Amino acid sequence: MKRYYFKTARSLLAFLALMLAPGAALSQQPVARFYYNEQGNVVRQERDTNGDGKMDLWTYYNAQGQVERVEQDINFDGKPDVFIYYEGGKPRRQEIASKNDGQIDTWLFLDGNGEIERKGQDPNGSGKPTLWVYYQNGRPVRSEEDAKASGKGSRVAFYQDGKVSRIEEDILRAR
């Protein structure tokens, strides 16, 4: 029987992460890595969530030990596709590159309870949102579309009970 001796808590944590992960004993690949500052606090954590030997989830911590940012590679191409930004330990904004091109095309802004307040989308690949949807209590109440990416909405839709109840369109701005 092998005996393991750990000189630091870090090596114990690394060993436990390796041994407790699915398939870890077979692959011998690390499934988690932890990076520490001079005071011994975790500043970054990396994880291999699918067992392919490549890290695909990165968590960054501030000096108080709270999560500051999470990045995730959801298509496992080696590059993050989802970015979640935290304030006061709570998620406040998400940025998503959903088209496998590395370009952010969806922005979600969350309230203090983690509920979505507004969502921006870039359906035309301009690099900035041209469609905004505003929410209350998790339901859409209004959307604004800026067809020319001018910063001014050319089409506004109002929702009632989750369904479109009225549309206003400025045909001069839409051209």
N, C-alpha and C. Protein backbone atom coordinates (compact mmCIF):
# COMPACT_ATOMS: atom_id res chain seq x y z
N MET A 1 0.84 -1.18 0.00
CA MET A 1 0.00 0.00 0.00
C MET A 1 0.88 1.24 0.00
N LYS A 2 0.57 2.18 -0.87
CA LYS A 2 1.34 3.42 -0.94
C LYS A 2 0.89 4.36 0.17
N ARG A 3 1.86 5.10 0.71
CA ARG A 3 1.54 6.12 1.70
C ARG A 3 1.88 7.47 1.11
N TYR A 4 1.00 8.41 1.35
CA TYR A 4 1.20 9.76 0.84
C TYR A 4 1.42 10.70 2.01
N TYR A 5 2.43 11.54 1.88
CA TYR A 5 2.72 12.54 2.89
C TYR A 5 2.59 13.91 2.25
N PHE A 6 1.93 14.81 2.95
CA PHE A 6 1.68 16.14 2.40
C PHE A 6 2.38 17.18 3.27
N LYS A 7 3.23 17.97 2.62
CA LYS A 7 3.96 19.01 3.34
C LYS A 7 3.12 20.27 3.51
N THR A 8 2.19 20.51 2.61
CA THR A 8 1.36 21.71 2.71
C THR A 8 -0.09 21.35 2.43
N ALA A 9 -0.95 22.25 2.84
CA ALA A 9 -2.38 22.06 2.58
C ALA A 9 -2.64 22.10 1.07
N ARG A 10 -1.85 22.88 0.35
CA ARG A 10 -2.02 22.98 -1.11
C ARG A 10 -1.82 21.64 -1.78
N SER A 11 -0.80 20.92 -1.38
CA SER A 11 -0.56 19.64 -2.03
C SER A 11 -1.66 18.63 -1.66
N LEU A 12 -2.21 18.73 -0.46
CA LEU A 12 -3.31 17.88 -0.08
C LEU A 12 -4.55 18.20 -0.93
N LEU A 13 -4.84 19.49 -1.10
CA LEU A 13 -5.98 19.89 -1.93
C LEU A 13 -5.81 19.42 -3.38
N ALA A 14 -4.62 19.57 -3.90
CA ALA A 14 -4.37 19.14 -5.28
C ALA A 14 -4.55 17.63 -5.41
N PHE A 15 -4.05 16.88 -4.44
CA PHE A 15 -4.20 15.43 -4.45
C PHE A 15 -5.67 15.04 -4.39
N LEU A 16 -6.43 15.67 -3.48
CA LEU A 16 -7.86 15.36 -3.36
C LEU A 16 -8.61 15.69 -4.64
N ALA A 17 -8.29 16.82 -5.26
CA ALA A 17 -8.95 17.18 -6.52
C ALA A 17 -8.68 16.14 -7.58
N LEU A 18 -7.45 15.64 -7.62
CA LEU A 18 -7.10 14.62 -8.60
C LEU A 18 -7.83 13.30 -8.34
N MET A 19 -7.88 12.90 -7.10
CA MET A 19 -8.43 11.60 -6.78
C MET A 19 -9.96 11.58 -6.80
N LEU A 20 -10.60 12.70 -6.54
CA LEU A 20 -12.05 12.73 -6.47
C LEU A 20 -12.72 13.00 -7.81
N ALA A 21 -11.97 13.42 -8.79
CA ALA A 21 -12.56 13.73 -10.10
C ALA A 21 -12.86 12.45 -10.86
N PRO A 22 -13.95 12.46 -11.63
CA PRO A 22 -14.28 11.26 -12.43
C PRO A 22 -13.17 10.95 -13.43
N GLY A 23 -12.71 9.73 -13.43
CA GLY A 23 -11.71 9.30 -14.39
C GLY A 23 -10.31 9.79 -14.11
N ALA A 24 -10.10 10.49 -13.00
CA ALA A 24 -8.80 11.09 -12.73
C ALA A 24 -7.72 10.02 -12.53
N ALA A 25 -8.06 8.96 -11.85
CA ALA A 25 -7.06 7.93 -11.59
C ALA A 25 -6.60 7.26 -12.88
N LEU A 26 -7.47 7.21 -13.88
CA LEU A 26 -7.11 6.58 -15.13
C LEU A 26 -6.26 7.50 -16.01
N SER A 27 -6.61 8.78 -16.06
CA SER A 27 -5.93 9.67 -16.99
C SER A 27 -4.64 10.24 -16.45
N GLN A 28 -4.54 10.37 -15.15
CA GLN A 28 -3.37 10.98 -14.51
C GLN A 28 -3.18 12.43 -14.93
N GLN A 29 -4.20 13.04 -15.50
CA GLN A 29 -4.17 14.46 -15.86
C GLN A 29 -4.76 15.25 -14.70
N PRO A 30 -4.19 16.42 -14.42
CA PRO A 30 -4.78 17.23 -13.35
C PRO A 30 -6.16 17.73 -13.78
N VAL A 31 -7.12 17.66 -12.88
CA VAL A 31 -8.46 18.15 -13.17
C VAL A 31 -8.69 19.52 -12.54
N ALA A 32 -7.77 19.93 -11.69
CA ALA A 32 -7.88 21.25 -11.07
C ALA A 32 -6.48 21.76 -10.72
N ARG A 33 -6.34 23.05 -10.89
CA ARG A 33 -5.10 23.73 -10.47
C ARG A 33 -5.50 24.95 -9.67
N PHE A 34 -4.72 25.23 -8.64
CA PHE A 34 -4.98 26.39 -7.80
C PHE A 34 -3.72 27.25 -7.78
N TYR A 35 -3.92 28.56 -7.91
CA TYR A 35 -2.82 29.51 -7.88
C TYR A 35 -3.01 30.42 -6.66
N TYR A 36 -1.93 30.66 -5.94
CA TYR A 36 -1.99 31.38 -4.67
C TYR A 36 -1.14 32.65 -4.71
N ASN A 37 -1.53 33.64 -3.92
CA ASN A 37 -0.69 34.83 -3.77
C ASN A 37 0.29 34.60 -2.61
N GLU A 38 1.07 35.61 -2.30
CA GLU A 38 2.11 35.48 -1.26
C GLU A 38 1.52 35.20 0.12
N GLN A 39 0.27 35.62 0.34
CA GLN A 39 -0.38 35.41 1.64
C GLN A 39 -1.02 34.02 1.74
N GLY A 40 -0.96 33.24 0.69
CA GLY A 40 -1.53 31.90 0.71
C GLY A 40 -2.99 31.83 0.31
N ASN A 41 -3.53 32.92 -0.25
CA ASN A 41 -4.92 32.95 -0.70
C ASN A 41 -5.02 32.54 -2.16
N VAL A 42 -6.07 31.80 -2.46
CA VAL A 42 -6.31 31.39 -3.85
C VAL A 42 -6.66 32.64 -4.65
N VAL A 43 -5.98 32.84 -5.78
CA VAL A 43 -6.28 33.97 -6.67
C VAL A 43 -6.86 33.49 -7.99
N ARG A 44 -6.59 32.22 -8.33
CA ARG A 44 -7.14 31.65 -9.56
C ARG A 44 -7.27 30.14 -9.40
N GLN A 45 -8.33 29.63 -10.00
CA GLN A 45 -8.58 28.19 -10.00
C GLN A 45 -8.89 27.80 -11.44
N GLU A 46 -8.33 26.70 -11.87
CA GLU A 46 -8.60 26.18 -13.21
C GLU A 46 -9.15 24.77 -13.07
N ARG A 47 -10.10 24.42 -13.91
CA ARG A 47 -10.68 23.07 -13.85
C ARG A 47 -10.85 22.48 -15.24
N ASP A 48 -10.70 21.19 -15.31
CA ASP A 48 -11.01 20.41 -16.51
C ASP A 48 -12.32 19.71 -16.21
N THR A 49 -13.43 20.26 -16.72
CA THR A 49 -14.75 19.73 -16.36
C THR A 49 -15.18 18.52 -17.18
N ASN A 50 -14.53 18.29 -18.33
CA ASN A 50 -14.96 17.17 -19.17
C ASN A 50 -13.92 16.05 -19.24
N GLY A 51 -12.82 16.18 -18.52
CA GLY A 51 -11.83 15.10 -18.45
C GLY A 51 -10.98 14.91 -19.68
N ASP A 52 -10.88 15.94 -20.55
CA ASP A 52 -10.07 15.79 -21.76
C ASP A 52 -8.62 16.22 -21.57
N GLY A 53 -8.26 16.60 -20.34
CA GLY A 53 -6.88 17.00 -20.07
C GLY A 53 -6.60 18.47 -20.31
N LYS A 54 -7.62 19.23 -20.77
CA LYS A 54 -7.45 20.68 -20.99
C LYS A 54 -8.37 21.44 -20.05
N MET A 55 -7.83 22.48 -19.45
CA MET A 55 -8.63 23.30 -18.55
C MET A 55 -9.69 24.05 -19.35
N ASP A 56 -10.92 24.09 -18.81
CA ASP A 56 -12.01 24.76 -19.52
C ASP A 56 -12.87 25.62 -18.61
N LEU A 57 -12.49 25.77 -17.36
CA LEU A 57 -13.20 26.63 -16.43
C LEU A 57 -12.17 27.35 -15.56
N TRP A 58 -12.21 28.68 -15.59
CA TRP A 58 -11.25 29.48 -14.85
C TRP A 58 -12.01 30.40 -13.91
N THR A 59 -11.63 30.40 -12.63
CA THR A 59 -12.27 31.26 -11.64
C THR A 59 -11.19 32.15 -11.04
N TYR A 60 -11.46 33.46 -11.01
CA TYR A 60 -10.53 34.45 -10.49
C TYR A 60 -11.12 35.06 -9.22
N TYR A 61 -10.27 35.24 -8.20
CA TYR A 61 -10.70 35.76 -6.91
C TYR A 61 -10.03 37.09 -6.60
N ASN A 62 -10.73 37.94 -5.83
CA ASN A 62 -10.13 39.20 -5.40
C ASN A 62 -9.37 38.99 -4.10
N ALA A 63 -8.80 40.05 -3.55
CA ALA A 63 -7.99 39.95 -2.34
C ALA A 63 -8.80 39.49 -1.13
N GLN A 64 -10.11 39.70 -1.14
CA GLN A 64 -10.97 39.26 -0.03
C GLN A 64 -11.43 37.81 -0.19
N GLY A 65 -11.01 37.14 -1.25
CA GLY A 65 -11.37 35.75 -1.47
C GLY A 65 -12.71 35.57 -2.17
N GLN A 66 -13.31 36.67 -2.64
CA GLN A 66 -14.58 36.57 -3.36
C GLN A 66 -14.32 36.36 -4.84
N VAL A 67 -15.24 35.64 -5.48
CA VAL A 67 -15.13 35.44 -6.92
C VAL A 67 -15.28 36.79 -7.60
N GLU A 68 -14.36 37.06 -8.52
CA GLU A 68 -14.37 38.30 -9.28
C GLU A 68 -14.85 38.07 -10.71
N ARG A 69 -14.42 36.93 -11.28
CA ARG A 69 -14.73 36.62 -12.68
C ARG A 69 -14.62 35.11 -12.88
N VAL A 70 -15.50 34.60 -13.73
CA VAL A 70 -15.45 33.19 -14.15
C VAL A 70 -15.45 33.17 -15.66
N GLU A 71 -14.57 32.37 -16.23
CA GLU A 71 -14.52 32.18 -17.67
C GLU A 71 -14.71 30.70 -17.96
N GLN A 72 -15.50 30.39 -18.99
CA GLN A 72 -15.74 28.99 -19.31
C GLN A 72 -15.66 28.76 -20.81
N ASP A 73 -15.03 27.67 -21.17
CA ASP A 73 -14.93 27.22 -22.56
C ASP A 73 -16.02 26.18 -22.76
N ILE A 74 -17.18 26.61 -23.28
CA ILE A 74 -18.32 25.69 -23.37
C ILE A 74 -18.27 24.80 -24.60
N ASN A 75 -17.47 25.15 -25.60
CA ASN A 75 -17.36 24.28 -26.78
C ASN A 75 -16.03 23.52 -26.81
N PHE A 76 -15.24 23.66 -25.76
CA PHE A 76 -14.00 22.92 -25.54
C PHE A 76 -12.99 23.08 -26.68
N ASP A 77 -12.87 24.32 -27.19
CA ASP A 77 -11.88 24.60 -28.22
C ASP A 77 -10.62 25.26 -27.65
N GLY A 78 -10.54 25.36 -26.32
CA GLY A 78 -9.37 25.94 -25.67
C GLY A 78 -9.48 27.43 -25.39
N LYS A 79 -10.59 28.07 -25.80
CA LYS A 79 -10.78 29.50 -25.58
C LYS A 79 -12.09 29.74 -24.84
N PRO A 80 -12.08 30.65 -23.87
CA PRO A 80 -13.32 30.92 -23.13
C PRO A 80 -14.41 31.49 -24.05
N ASP A 81 -15.65 31.07 -23.81
CA ASP A 81 -16.82 31.53 -24.57
C ASP A 81 -17.81 32.28 -23.68
N VAL A 82 -17.74 32.05 -22.38
CA VAL A 82 -18.64 32.69 -21.43
C VAL A 82 -17.79 33.37 -20.36
N PHE A 83 -18.15 34.63 -20.07
CA PHE A 83 -17.46 35.41 -19.06
C PHE A 83 -18.51 35.91 -18.09
N ILE A 84 -18.33 35.62 -16.80
CA ILE A 84 -19.27 36.07 -15.78
C ILE A 84 -18.50 36.98 -14.82
N TYR A 85 -19.01 38.21 -14.65
CA TYR A 85 -18.36 39.20 -13.79
C TYR A 85 -19.18 39.37 -12.52
N TYR A 86 -18.47 39.41 -11.38
CA TYR A 86 -19.11 39.47 -10.07
C TYR A 86 -18.82 40.82 -9.40
N GLU A 87 -19.78 41.26 -8.59
CA GLU A 87 -19.60 42.42 -7.72
C GLU A 87 -20.12 42.01 -6.35
N GLY A 88 -19.29 42.19 -5.33
CA GLY A 88 -19.71 41.82 -3.99
C GLY A 88 -20.03 40.35 -3.85
N GLY A 89 -19.37 39.51 -4.63
CA GLY A 89 -19.58 38.08 -4.55
C GLY A 89 -20.80 37.57 -5.31
N LYS A 90 -21.48 38.47 -6.03
CA LYS A 90 -22.68 38.07 -6.77
C LYS A 90 -22.49 38.33 -8.26
N PRO A 91 -23.03 37.44 -9.11
CA PRO A 91 -22.90 37.67 -10.55
C PRO A 91 -23.71 38.89 -10.96
N ARG A 92 -23.09 39.79 -11.75
CA ARG A 92 -23.77 41.01 -12.18
C ARG A 92 -23.85 41.14 -13.70
N ARG A 93 -22.92 40.49 -14.41
CA ARG A 93 -22.91 40.60 -15.87
C ARG A 93 -22.33 39.33 -16.48
N GLN A 94 -22.92 38.92 -17.61
CA GLN A 94 -22.38 37.81 -18.38
C GLN A 94 -22.17 38.27 -19.81
N GLU A 95 -21.08 37.80 -20.39
CA GLU A 95 -20.82 38.04 -21.81
C GLU A 95 -20.63 36.68 -22.46
N ILE A 96 -21.27 36.47 -23.60
CA ILE A 96 -21.28 35.15 -24.22
C ILE A 96 -20.91 35.26 -25.69
N ALA A 97 -19.98 34.42 -26.13
CA ALA A 97 -19.65 34.27 -27.55
C ALA A 97 -20.30 32.96 -27.99
N SER A 98 -21.49 33.04 -28.58
CA SER A 98 -22.26 31.82 -28.85
C SER A 98 -22.07 31.26 -30.24
N LYS A 99 -21.34 31.98 -31.11
CA LYS A 99 -21.22 31.53 -32.50
C LYS A 99 -19.89 30.86 -32.82
N ASN A 100 -19.15 30.47 -31.80
CA ASN A 100 -17.85 29.80 -31.97
C ASN A 100 -16.83 30.62 -32.74
N ASP A 101 -16.99 31.94 -32.75
CA ASP A 101 -16.02 32.78 -33.44
C ASP A 101 -15.20 33.63 -32.46
N GLY A 102 -15.42 33.46 -31.16
CA GLY A 102 -14.68 34.20 -30.16
C GLY A 102 -15.18 35.61 -29.92
N GLN A 103 -16.16 36.06 -30.68
CA GLN A 103 -16.67 37.42 -30.55
C GLN A 103 -17.92 37.41 -29.66
N ILE A 104 -17.92 38.28 -28.66
CA ILE A 104 -19.06 38.39 -27.76
C ILE A 104 -20.27 38.85 -28.56
N ASP A 105 -21.41 38.13 -28.41
CA ASP A 105 -22.62 38.52 -29.13
C ASP A 105 -23.84 38.61 -28.22
N THR A 106 -23.68 38.28 -26.94
CA THR A 106 -24.78 38.38 -25.99
C THR A 106 -24.25 38.92 -24.67
N TRP A 107 -24.99 39.89 -24.11
CA TRP A 107 -24.65 40.50 -22.83
C TRP A 107 -25.86 40.38 -21.93
N LEU A 108 -25.66 39.88 -20.71
CA LEU A 108 -26.73 39.79 -19.73
C LEU A 108 -26.34 40.62 -18.51
N PHE A 109 -27.25 41.47 -18.05
CA PHE A 109 -27.02 42.27 -16.86
C PHE A 109 -27.99 41.80 -15.79
N LEU A 110 -27.47 41.49 -14.60
CA LEU A 110 -28.25 40.88 -13.54
C LEU A 110 -28.40 41.83 -12.37
N ASP A 111 -29.52 41.71 -11.65
CA ASP A 111 -29.71 42.52 -10.45
C ASP A 111 -29.02 41.83 -9.27
N GLY A 112 -29.16 42.40 -8.08
CA GLY A 112 -28.51 41.86 -6.89
C GLY A 112 -28.95 40.47 -6.49
N ASN A 113 -30.10 40.02 -7.01
CA ASN A 113 -30.60 38.68 -6.71
C ASN A 113 -30.25 37.67 -7.80
N GLY A 114 -29.51 38.11 -8.81
CA GLY A 114 -29.13 37.22 -9.91
C GLY A 114 -30.19 37.12 -10.99
N GLU A 115 -31.25 37.93 -10.89
CA GLU A 115 -32.29 37.94 -11.92
C GLU A 115 -31.86 38.85 -13.08
N ILE A 116 -32.22 38.47 -14.27
CA ILE A 116 -31.84 39.25 -15.45
C ILE A 116 -32.63 40.57 -15.47
N GLU A 117 -31.90 41.68 -15.67
CA GLU A 117 -32.52 42.99 -15.81
C GLU A 117 -32.64 43.39 -17.28
N ARG A 118 -31.57 43.11 -18.02
CA ARG A 118 -31.60 43.40 -19.45
C ARG A 118 -30.62 42.49 -20.17
N LYS A 119 -30.93 42.31 -21.45
CA LYS A 119 -30.12 41.43 -22.30
C LYS A 119 -29.85 42.16 -23.60
N GLY A 120 -28.58 42.20 -23.98
CA GLY A 120 -28.20 42.80 -25.25
C GLY A 120 -27.72 41.72 -26.20
N GLN A 121 -28.07 41.86 -27.47
CA GLN A 121 -27.65 40.89 -28.47
C GLN A 121 -27.10 41.60 -29.69
N ASP A 122 -26.14 40.96 -30.32
CA ASP A 122 -25.53 41.46 -31.55
C ASP A 122 -25.79 40.45 -32.66
N PRO A 123 -26.97 40.50 -33.27
CA PRO A 123 -27.30 39.50 -34.30
C PRO A 123 -26.56 39.70 -35.62
N ASN A 124 -26.00 40.89 -35.86
CA ASN A 124 -25.36 41.15 -37.16
C ASN A 124 -23.84 41.16 -37.11
N GLY A 125 -23.24 40.85 -35.96
CA GLY A 125 -21.78 40.75 -35.87
C GLY A 125 -21.05 42.08 -35.86
N SER A 126 -21.72 43.15 -35.44
CA SER A 126 -21.08 44.48 -35.41
C SER A 126 -20.15 44.66 -34.23
N GLY A 127 -20.24 43.78 -33.23
CA GLY A 127 -19.40 43.89 -32.04
C GLY A 127 -20.06 44.66 -30.91
N LYS A 128 -21.26 45.18 -31.16
CA LYS A 128 -22.00 45.85 -30.09
C LYS A 128 -23.48 45.47 -30.21
N PRO A 129 -24.17 45.52 -29.08
CA PRO A 129 -25.57 45.11 -29.09
C PRO A 129 -26.45 46.04 -29.92
N THR A 130 -27.30 45.46 -30.74
CA THR A 130 -28.28 46.23 -31.50
C THR A 130 -29.71 45.84 -31.12
N LEU A 131 -29.85 44.87 -30.25
CA LEU A 131 -31.14 44.46 -29.73
C LEU A 131 -31.03 44.37 -28.22
N TRP A 132 -31.89 45.12 -27.53
CA TRP A 132 -31.93 45.08 -26.06
C TRP A 132 -33.30 44.62 -25.62
N VAL A 133 -33.32 43.72 -24.63
CA VAL A 133 -34.57 43.27 -24.03
C VAL A 133 -34.47 43.59 -22.54
N TYR A 134 -35.50 44.27 -22.02
CA TYR A 134 -35.54 44.68 -20.61
C TYR A 134 -36.55 43.80 -19.88
N TYR A 135 -36.20 43.41 -18.64
CA TYR A 135 -36.99 42.45 -17.88
C TYR A 135 -37.42 43.02 -16.54
N GLN A 136 -38.54 42.53 -16.05
CA GLN A 136 -38.99 42.74 -14.68
C GLN A 136 -39.51 41.41 -14.17
N ASN A 137 -39.04 41.03 -13.01
CA ASN A 137 -39.45 39.76 -12.40
C ASN A 137 -39.24 38.58 -13.35
N GLY A 138 -38.15 38.62 -14.11
CA GLY A 138 -37.80 37.52 -15.00
C GLY A 138 -38.57 37.46 -16.30
N ARG A 139 -39.42 38.44 -16.57
CA ARG A 139 -40.22 38.44 -17.80
C ARG A 139 -39.89 39.67 -18.63
N PRO A 140 -39.87 39.53 -19.95
CA PRO A 140 -39.59 40.70 -20.79
C PRO A 140 -40.73 41.72 -20.69
N VAL A 141 -40.35 43.01 -20.63
CA VAL A 141 -41.36 44.07 -20.61
C VAL A 141 -41.20 45.00 -21.81
N ARG A 142 -40.00 45.04 -22.38
CA ARG A 142 -39.76 45.91 -23.53
C ARG A 142 -38.50 45.45 -24.26
N SER A 143 -38.52 45.60 -25.57
CA SER A 143 -37.31 45.34 -26.35
C SER A 143 -37.11 46.52 -27.30
N GLU A 144 -35.84 46.83 -27.53
CA GLU A 144 -35.50 47.93 -28.43
C GLU A 144 -34.51 47.40 -29.47
N GLU A 145 -34.84 47.62 -30.71
CA GLU A 145 -33.97 47.18 -31.80
C GLU A 145 -33.41 48.40 -32.51
N ASP A 146 -32.10 48.38 -32.71
CA ASP A 146 -31.39 49.47 -33.39
C ASP A 146 -30.84 48.90 -34.68
N ALA A 147 -31.63 48.91 -35.73
CA ALA A 147 -31.28 48.25 -36.99
C ALA A 147 -30.00 48.79 -37.62
N LYS A 148 -29.68 50.06 -37.40
CA LYS A 148 -28.51 50.67 -38.03
C LYS A 148 -27.32 50.79 -37.07
N ALA A 149 -27.43 50.26 -35.85
CA ALA A 149 -26.38 50.37 -34.83
C ALA A 149 -26.00 51.82 -34.60
N SER A 150 -27.01 52.70 -34.57
CA SER A 150 -26.78 54.13 -34.39
C SER A 150 -26.83 54.55 -32.93
N GLY A 151 -27.26 53.64 -32.05
CA GLY A 151 -27.40 53.99 -30.65
C GLY A 151 -28.81 54.44 -30.30
N LYS A 152 -29.68 54.53 -31.29
CA LYS A 152 -31.07 54.93 -31.08
C LYS A 152 -31.98 53.83 -31.63
N GLY A 153 -32.91 53.41 -30.80
CA GLY A 153 -33.81 52.34 -31.20
C GLY A 153 -34.73 52.75 -32.34
N SER A 154 -34.85 51.89 -33.32
CA SER A 154 -35.75 52.16 -34.44
C SER A 154 -37.05 51.37 -34.30
N ARG A 155 -37.04 50.36 -33.43
CA ARG A 155 -38.24 49.55 -33.22
C ARG A 155 -38.30 49.19 -31.74
N VAL A 156 -39.44 49.46 -31.12
CA VAL A 156 -39.63 49.16 -29.71
C VAL A 156 -40.86 48.27 -29.59
N ALA A 157 -40.69 47.16 -28.89
CA ALA A 157 -41.82 46.25 -28.64
C ALA A 157 -42.08 46.23 -27.14
N PHE A 158 -43.35 46.29 -26.78
CA PHE A 158 -43.76 46.24 -25.38
C PHE A 158 -44.43 44.89 -25.14
N TYR A 159 -44.18 44.32 -23.96
CA TYR A 159 -44.70 43.00 -23.63
C TYR A 159 -45.65 43.09 -22.45
N GLN A 160 -46.63 42.22 -22.47
CA GLN A 160 -47.54 42.08 -21.35
C GLN A 160 -47.72 40.59 -21.12
N ASP A 161 -47.46 40.14 -19.92
CA ASP A 161 -47.54 38.72 -19.58
C ASP A 161 -46.65 37.87 -20.51
N GLY A 162 -45.50 38.41 -20.88
CA GLY A 162 -44.54 37.67 -21.69
C GLY A 162 -44.82 37.66 -23.18
N LYS A 163 -45.88 38.35 -23.62
CA LYS A 163 -46.24 38.37 -25.04
C LYS A 163 -46.21 39.81 -25.55
N VAL A 164 -45.89 39.98 -26.81
CA VAL A 164 -45.86 41.31 -27.42
C VAL A 164 -47.26 41.91 -27.38
N SER A 165 -47.36 43.12 -26.81
CA SER A 165 -48.67 43.79 -26.73
C SER A 165 -48.73 45.01 -27.65
N ARG A 166 -47.57 45.59 -27.98
CA ARG A 166 -47.56 46.77 -28.83
C ARG A 166 -46.17 46.92 -29.44
N ILE A 167 -46.13 47.41 -30.68
CA ILE A 167 -44.86 47.68 -31.36
C ILE A 167 -44.90 49.10 -31.89
N GLU A 168 -43.81 49.82 -31.63
CA GLU A 168 -43.64 51.16 -32.19
C GLU A 168 -42.41 51.12 -33.07
N GLU A 169 -42.53 51.67 -34.27
CA GLU A 169 -41.43 51.61 -35.22
C GLU A 169 -41.21 53.00 -35.83
N ASP A 170 -39.95 53.41 -35.85
CA ASP A 170 -39.56 54.66 -36.50
C ASP A 170 -38.99 54.28 -37.86
N ILE A 171 -39.80 54.37 -38.89
CA ILE A 171 -39.37 53.90 -40.20
C ILE A 171 -38.25 54.74 -40.80
N LEU A 172 -38.09 55.97 -40.34
CA LEU A 172 -36.99 56.80 -40.84
C LEU A 172 -35.65 56.33 -40.27
N ARG A 173 -35.63 55.90 -39.00
CA ARG A 173 -34.39 55.40 -38.40
C ARG A 173 -34.05 54.00 -38.88
N ALA A 174 -35.03 53.24 -39.27
CA ALA A 174 -34.81 51.85 -39.68
C ALA A 174 -34.13 51.75 -41.04
N ARG A 175 -34.15 52.83 -41.82
CA ARG A 175 -33.56 52.78 -43.16
C ARG A 175 -32.08 52.88 -43.15
